[in-house]
Amino acid sequence: MSVQSGAYSGPYSFATRFGEERGTNPEELIGAASAGCFSMAFSLILEGAGFTAISIETTAAVTLEKVGDSFRITTLHLSTRGDVPGIGDTQFKELAEQAKTGCPVSQALAGVTITLNTELHNT
């Protein structure tokens, strides 16, 4: 499998999804898309509120569970850490929640429980 931009080309199979073979899988790609989309939306929301982020680092953990006779993505947990001078923890969390719900990938995953953990790390 390869993506249009050329940023990824490699194995994509049952063994990369459920086995030990190196490669990616749909859940990993959805997690990466969600983390990237969230970080971009968060940066834009922060700028709109008058803050300039020095850095925003987001990871995503996707849970795939058997539901009935098929598998389903049931949760996606985002963890973000930001270095944003001048912002307080409460406002940081509030703006992060806006980014979580406003990000186009989050909207595409309507029906999936998306949780968020934030960590403000100002230097």
N, C-alpha and C. Protein backbone atom coordinates (compact mmCIF):
# COMPACT_ATOMS: atom_id res chain seq x y z
N MET A 1 0.84 -1.17 0.00
CA MET A 1 0.00 0.00 0.00
C MET A 1 0.89 1.24 0.00
N SER A 2 0.39 2.29 -0.64
CA SER A 2 1.09 3.57 -0.57
C SER A 2 0.03 4.67 -0.53
N VAL A 3 0.42 5.80 0.02
CA VAL A 3 -0.49 6.94 0.07
C VAL A 3 -0.13 7.91 -1.05
N GLN A 4 -1.09 8.70 -1.48
CA GLN A 4 -0.94 9.57 -2.63
C GLN A 4 0.27 10.50 -2.52
N SER A 5 0.53 11.02 -1.32
CA SER A 5 1.64 11.96 -1.14
C SER A 5 3.00 11.30 -1.24
N GLY A 6 3.03 9.97 -1.12
CA GLY A 6 4.31 9.26 -1.11
C GLY A 6 4.94 9.18 0.26
N ALA A 7 4.27 9.72 1.27
CA ALA A 7 4.82 9.73 2.63
C ALA A 7 4.88 8.33 3.24
N TYR A 8 4.07 7.41 2.73
CA TYR A 8 4.10 6.03 3.24
C TYR A 8 3.94 5.07 2.08
N SER A 9 4.75 4.04 2.11
CA SER A 9 4.62 2.92 1.20
C SER A 9 5.15 1.71 1.95
N GLY A 10 4.33 0.68 2.08
CA GLY A 10 4.79 -0.50 2.80
C GLY A 10 3.68 -1.52 2.98
N PRO A 11 3.97 -2.55 3.79
CA PRO A 11 3.00 -3.63 3.98
C PRO A 11 1.71 -3.16 4.65
N TYR A 12 0.64 -3.81 4.22
CA TYR A 12 -0.69 -3.52 4.75
C TYR A 12 -1.48 -4.81 4.54
N SER A 13 -1.61 -5.60 5.59
CA SER A 13 -2.24 -6.91 5.43
C SER A 13 -2.83 -7.36 6.77
N PHE A 14 -3.45 -8.53 6.74
CA PHE A 14 -3.98 -9.12 7.96
C PHE A 14 -2.87 -9.25 9.02
N ALA A 15 -1.68 -9.66 8.58
CA ALA A 15 -0.57 -9.86 9.51
C ALA A 15 -0.08 -8.56 10.12
N THR A 16 -0.20 -7.44 9.41
CA THR A 16 0.22 -6.16 9.99
C THR A 16 -0.87 -5.61 10.90
N ARG A 17 -2.08 -6.11 10.73
CA ARG A 17 -3.20 -5.64 11.55
C ARG A 17 -3.33 -6.44 12.84
N PHE A 18 -3.27 -7.75 12.72
CA PHE A 18 -3.52 -8.60 13.88
C PHE A 18 -2.31 -9.45 14.28
N GLY A 19 -1.28 -9.46 13.48
CA GLY A 19 -0.11 -10.28 13.75
C GLY A 19 1.09 -9.46 14.14
N GLU A 20 2.24 -10.03 13.90
CA GLU A 20 3.50 -9.41 14.30
C GLU A 20 4.28 -8.82 13.12
N GLU A 21 3.73 -8.90 11.92
CA GLU A 21 4.43 -8.37 10.76
C GLU A 21 4.49 -6.85 10.80
N ARG A 22 5.67 -6.30 10.44
CA ARG A 22 5.82 -4.84 10.41
C ARG A 22 5.01 -4.26 9.27
N GLY A 23 4.41 -3.13 9.52
CA GLY A 23 3.59 -2.45 8.54
C GLY A 23 2.50 -1.69 9.27
N THR A 24 1.62 -1.13 8.54
CA THR A 24 0.56 -0.34 9.16
C THR A 24 -0.77 -1.08 9.06
N ASN A 25 -1.79 -0.43 9.58
CA ASN A 25 -3.15 -0.99 9.53
C ASN A 25 -4.13 0.17 9.54
N PRO A 26 -5.39 -0.08 9.23
CA PRO A 26 -6.36 1.02 9.15
C PRO A 26 -6.48 1.81 10.46
N GLU A 27 -6.45 1.12 11.59
CA GLU A 27 -6.61 1.81 12.87
C GLU A 27 -5.45 2.75 13.15
N GLU A 28 -4.25 2.32 12.83
CA GLU A 28 -3.07 3.16 13.03
C GLU A 28 -3.15 4.41 12.15
N LEU A 29 -3.60 4.24 10.91
CA LEU A 29 -3.72 5.38 10.00
C LEU A 29 -4.80 6.34 10.47
N ILE A 30 -5.91 5.82 10.98
CA ILE A 30 -6.96 6.68 11.52
C ILE A 30 -6.44 7.45 12.74
N GLY A 31 -5.69 6.77 13.61
CA GLY A 31 -5.10 7.44 14.76
C GLY A 31 -4.16 8.56 14.35
N ALA A 32 -3.31 8.29 13.36
CA ALA A 32 -2.37 9.31 12.88
C ALA A 32 -3.12 10.49 12.27
N ALA A 33 -4.16 10.19 11.49
CA ALA A 33 -4.96 11.26 10.89
C ALA A 33 -5.64 12.10 11.97
N SER A 34 -6.15 11.44 12.99
CA SER A 34 -6.83 12.15 14.07
C SER A 34 -5.87 13.03 14.86
N ALA A 35 -4.71 12.49 15.21
CA ALA A 35 -3.73 13.28 15.97
C ALA A 35 -3.25 14.47 15.17
N GLY A 36 -2.98 14.28 13.89
CA GLY A 36 -2.52 15.38 13.04
C GLY A 36 -3.58 16.44 12.85
N CYS A 37 -4.80 16.00 12.59
CA CYS A 37 -5.91 16.94 12.39
C CYS A 37 -6.17 17.74 13.67
N PHE A 38 -6.18 17.03 14.81
CA PHE A 38 -6.40 17.70 16.09
C PHE A 38 -5.33 18.77 16.31
N SER A 39 -4.05 18.41 16.12
CA SER A 39 -2.96 19.37 16.37
C SER A 39 -3.10 20.61 15.50
N MET A 40 -3.47 20.42 14.23
CA MET A 40 -3.64 21.56 13.33
C MET A 40 -4.82 22.43 13.76
N ALA A 41 -5.93 21.78 14.11
CA ALA A 41 -7.11 22.54 14.56
C ALA A 41 -6.81 23.27 15.86
N PHE A 42 -6.11 22.61 16.78
CA PHE A 42 -5.77 23.21 18.07
C PHE A 42 -4.89 24.44 17.87
N SER A 43 -3.91 24.33 17.00
CA SER A 43 -3.02 25.46 16.72
C SER A 43 -3.82 26.64 16.18
N LEU A 44 -4.75 26.38 15.26
CA LEU A 44 -5.58 27.44 14.69
C LEU A 44 -6.47 28.09 15.75
N ILE A 45 -7.07 27.27 16.61
CA ILE A 45 -7.93 27.79 17.68
C ILE A 45 -7.13 28.61 18.67
N LEU A 46 -5.93 28.13 19.01
CA LEU A 46 -5.06 28.89 19.92
C LEU A 46 -4.72 30.26 19.32
N GLU A 47 -4.36 30.27 18.05
CA GLU A 47 -4.03 31.54 17.39
C GLU A 47 -5.22 32.48 17.39
N GLY A 48 -6.41 31.94 17.14
CA GLY A 48 -7.62 32.76 17.15
C GLY A 48 -7.91 33.35 18.50
N ALA A 49 -7.44 32.69 19.56
CA ALA A 49 -7.63 33.18 20.93
C ALA A 49 -6.47 34.06 21.38
N GLY A 50 -5.51 34.31 20.48
CA GLY A 50 -4.41 35.21 20.80
C GLY A 50 -3.16 34.53 21.36
N PHE A 51 -3.03 33.23 21.20
CA PHE A 51 -1.86 32.50 21.71
C PHE A 51 -1.09 31.88 20.56
N THR A 52 0.23 31.89 20.69
CA THR A 52 1.08 31.25 19.69
C THR A 52 1.77 30.06 20.35
N ALA A 53 1.47 28.88 19.83
CA ALA A 53 2.07 27.66 20.38
C ALA A 53 3.51 27.53 19.91
N ILE A 54 4.38 27.25 20.85
CA ILE A 54 5.76 26.92 20.49
C ILE A 54 5.78 25.49 19.96
N SER A 55 5.00 24.61 20.62
CA SER A 55 4.88 23.24 20.14
C SER A 55 3.57 22.62 20.62
N ILE A 56 3.06 21.71 19.81
CA ILE A 56 1.91 20.88 20.16
C ILE A 56 2.26 19.48 19.70
N GLU A 57 2.26 18.53 20.62
CA GLU A 57 2.58 17.14 20.30
C GLU A 57 1.40 16.28 20.71
N THR A 58 0.84 15.55 19.76
CA THR A 58 -0.35 14.75 20.03
C THR A 58 -0.14 13.32 19.58
N THR A 59 -0.55 12.38 20.43
CA THR A 59 -0.56 10.96 20.08
C THR A 59 -2.00 10.46 20.16
N ALA A 60 -2.27 9.39 19.46
CA ALA A 60 -3.60 8.79 19.46
C ALA A 60 -3.50 7.30 19.71
N ALA A 61 -4.41 6.79 20.53
CA ALA A 61 -4.52 5.35 20.77
C ALA A 61 -5.93 4.94 20.34
N VAL A 62 -5.99 4.02 19.39
CA VAL A 62 -7.26 3.57 18.83
C VAL A 62 -7.56 2.17 19.38
N THR A 63 -8.80 1.99 19.85
CA THR A 63 -9.24 0.69 20.36
C THR A 63 -10.14 0.03 19.34
N LEU A 64 -9.75 -1.17 18.92
CA LEU A 64 -10.53 -1.99 18.00
C LEU A 64 -11.07 -3.17 18.81
N GLU A 65 -12.39 -3.33 18.81
CA GLU A 65 -13.01 -4.40 19.59
C GLU A 65 -13.98 -5.20 18.73
N LYS A 66 -14.15 -6.45 19.09
CA LYS A 66 -15.16 -7.27 18.42
C LYS A 66 -16.52 -6.92 19.01
N VAL A 67 -17.42 -6.49 18.17
CA VAL A 67 -18.77 -6.12 18.57
C VAL A 67 -19.71 -6.99 17.72
N GLY A 68 -20.38 -7.93 18.36
CA GLY A 68 -21.22 -8.86 17.60
C GLY A 68 -20.34 -9.73 16.73
N ASP A 69 -20.66 -9.76 15.45
CA ASP A 69 -19.91 -10.60 14.51
C ASP A 69 -18.81 -9.87 13.77
N SER A 70 -18.59 -8.59 14.09
CA SER A 70 -17.58 -7.82 13.36
C SER A 70 -16.72 -7.01 14.33
N PHE A 71 -15.73 -6.37 13.78
CA PHE A 71 -14.85 -5.51 14.58
C PHE A 71 -15.26 -4.06 14.38
N ARG A 72 -15.03 -3.28 15.42
CA ARG A 72 -15.42 -1.86 15.38
C ARG A 72 -14.42 -1.02 16.17
N ILE A 73 -14.12 0.16 15.68
CA ILE A 73 -13.34 1.13 16.45
C ILE A 73 -14.30 1.70 17.48
N THR A 74 -14.00 1.46 18.75
CA THR A 74 -14.91 1.90 19.81
C THR A 74 -14.45 3.16 20.51
N THR A 75 -13.15 3.36 20.62
CA THR A 75 -12.64 4.57 21.25
C THR A 75 -11.36 5.03 20.57
N LEU A 76 -11.13 6.31 20.69
CA LEU A 76 -9.90 6.91 20.21
C LEU A 76 -9.48 7.89 21.31
N HIS A 77 -8.32 7.67 21.87
CA HIS A 77 -7.85 8.54 22.96
C HIS A 77 -6.70 9.41 22.46
N LEU A 78 -6.88 10.71 22.55
CA LEU A 78 -5.84 11.67 22.18
C LEU A 78 -5.12 12.15 23.44
N SER A 79 -3.82 12.23 23.36
CA SER A 79 -3.01 12.84 24.41
C SER A 79 -2.21 13.95 23.75
N THR A 80 -2.38 15.16 24.27
CA THR A 80 -1.66 16.28 23.67
C THR A 80 -0.87 17.02 24.73
N ARG A 81 0.28 17.46 24.32
CA ARG A 81 1.15 18.24 25.20
C ARG A 81 1.53 19.50 24.43
N GLY A 82 1.33 20.63 25.05
CA GLY A 82 1.62 21.88 24.36
C GLY A 82 2.46 22.83 25.18
N ASP A 83 3.30 23.55 24.49
CA ASP A 83 4.06 24.65 25.08
C ASP A 83 3.47 25.92 24.47
N VAL A 84 2.61 26.57 25.26
CA VAL A 84 1.86 27.74 24.79
C VAL A 84 2.01 28.85 25.82
N PRO A 85 2.94 29.78 25.61
CA PRO A 85 3.16 30.84 26.57
C PRO A 85 1.91 31.69 26.81
N GLY A 86 1.70 32.04 28.09
CA GLY A 86 0.65 32.95 28.47
C GLY A 86 -0.72 32.36 28.69
N ILE A 87 -0.90 31.09 28.44
CA ILE A 87 -2.22 30.47 28.61
C ILE A 87 -2.25 29.68 29.92
N GLY A 88 -3.40 29.66 30.56
CA GLY A 88 -3.57 28.87 31.77
C GLY A 88 -4.09 27.48 31.44
N ASP A 89 -3.97 26.58 32.39
CA ASP A 89 -4.36 25.19 32.17
C ASP A 89 -5.84 25.05 31.82
N THR A 90 -6.72 25.79 32.50
CA THR A 90 -8.16 25.68 32.24
C THR A 90 -8.49 26.10 30.81
N GLN A 91 -7.95 27.23 30.36
CA GLN A 91 -8.22 27.70 29.01
C GLN A 91 -7.59 26.76 27.98
N PHE A 92 -6.41 26.24 28.28
CA PHE A 92 -5.75 25.28 27.39
C PHE A 92 -6.65 24.07 27.16
N LYS A 93 -7.22 23.54 28.25
CA LYS A 93 -8.11 22.38 28.15
C LYS A 93 -9.39 22.72 27.39
N GLU A 94 -9.96 23.88 27.65
CA GLU A 94 -11.19 24.29 26.96
C GLU A 94 -10.97 24.41 25.46
N LEU A 95 -9.87 25.04 25.07
CA LEU A 95 -9.59 25.20 23.64
C LEU A 95 -9.24 23.86 23.00
N ALA A 96 -8.59 22.98 23.75
CA ALA A 96 -8.29 21.64 23.23
C ALA A 96 -9.58 20.86 22.98
N GLU A 97 -10.55 20.99 23.85
CA GLU A 97 -11.85 20.33 23.66
C GLU A 97 -12.53 20.85 22.40
N GLN A 98 -12.42 22.16 22.14
CA GLN A 98 -13.00 22.72 20.92
C GLN A 98 -12.33 22.10 19.69
N ALA A 99 -11.02 21.95 19.76
CA ALA A 99 -10.29 21.35 18.63
C ALA A 99 -10.69 19.89 18.45
N LYS A 100 -10.89 19.18 19.55
CA LYS A 100 -11.27 17.76 19.48
C LYS A 100 -12.60 17.58 18.76
N THR A 101 -13.58 18.42 19.06
CA THR A 101 -14.89 18.27 18.44
C THR A 101 -14.97 18.94 17.07
N GLY A 102 -14.12 19.93 16.82
CA GLY A 102 -14.18 20.67 15.57
C GLY A 102 -13.33 20.11 14.45
N CYS A 103 -12.39 19.29 14.77
CA CYS A 103 -11.49 18.72 13.77
C CYS A 103 -12.30 17.87 12.78
N PRO A 104 -12.07 18.03 11.47
CA PRO A 104 -12.82 17.26 10.48
C PRO A 104 -12.71 15.74 10.65
N VAL A 105 -11.57 15.24 11.10
CA VAL A 105 -11.45 13.79 11.31
C VAL A 105 -12.33 13.35 12.47
N SER A 106 -12.38 14.14 13.55
CA SER A 106 -13.27 13.82 14.67
C SER A 106 -14.72 13.79 14.20
N GLN A 107 -15.08 14.73 13.36
CA GLN A 107 -16.44 14.78 12.86
C GLN A 107 -16.75 13.56 11.99
N ALA A 108 -15.75 13.10 11.23
CA ALA A 108 -15.94 11.91 10.40
C ALA A 108 -16.10 10.66 11.25
N LEU A 109 -15.59 10.69 12.47
CA LEU A 109 -15.67 9.54 13.37
C LEU A 109 -16.85 9.65 14.33
N ALA A 110 -17.87 10.39 13.97
CA ALA A 110 -19.06 10.51 14.81
C ALA A 110 -19.53 9.11 15.19
N GLY A 111 -19.83 8.92 16.45
CA GLY A 111 -20.24 7.61 16.94
C GLY A 111 -19.13 6.88 17.66
N VAL A 112 -17.90 7.33 17.49
CA VAL A 112 -16.76 6.76 18.20
C VAL A 112 -16.50 7.64 19.41
N THR A 113 -16.32 7.05 20.57
CA THR A 113 -15.99 7.82 21.76
C THR A 113 -14.55 8.32 21.63
N ILE A 114 -14.38 9.64 21.62
CA ILE A 114 -13.05 10.24 21.53
C ILE A 114 -12.76 10.94 22.85
N THR A 115 -11.72 10.49 23.55
CA THR A 115 -11.33 11.09 24.82
C THR A 115 -10.06 11.90 24.61
N LEU A 116 -9.79 12.80 25.55
CA LEU A 116 -8.66 13.71 25.42
C LEU A 116 -7.98 13.92 26.75
N ASN A 117 -6.66 13.84 26.75
CA ASN A 117 -5.84 14.17 27.90
C ASN A 117 -4.94 15.33 27.48
N THR A 118 -4.85 16.37 28.29
CA THR A 118 -4.03 17.52 27.95
C THR A 118 -2.92 17.72 28.97
N GLU A 119 -1.81 18.26 28.51
CA GLU A 119 -0.70 18.60 29.40
C GLU A 119 -0.08 19.89 28.88
N LEU A 120 -0.19 20.94 29.67
CA LEU A 120 0.39 22.22 29.32
C LEU A 120 1.81 22.24 29.89
N HIS A 121 2.76 22.48 29.02
CA HIS A 121 4.17 22.47 29.40
C HIS A 121 4.79 23.75 28.92
N ASN A 122 4.69 24.80 29.72
CA ASN A 122 5.29 26.07 29.33
C ASN A 122 6.70 26.17 29.86
N THR A 123 7.59 26.59 28.99
CA THR A 123 9.00 26.73 29.38
C THR A 123 9.27 28.13 29.87
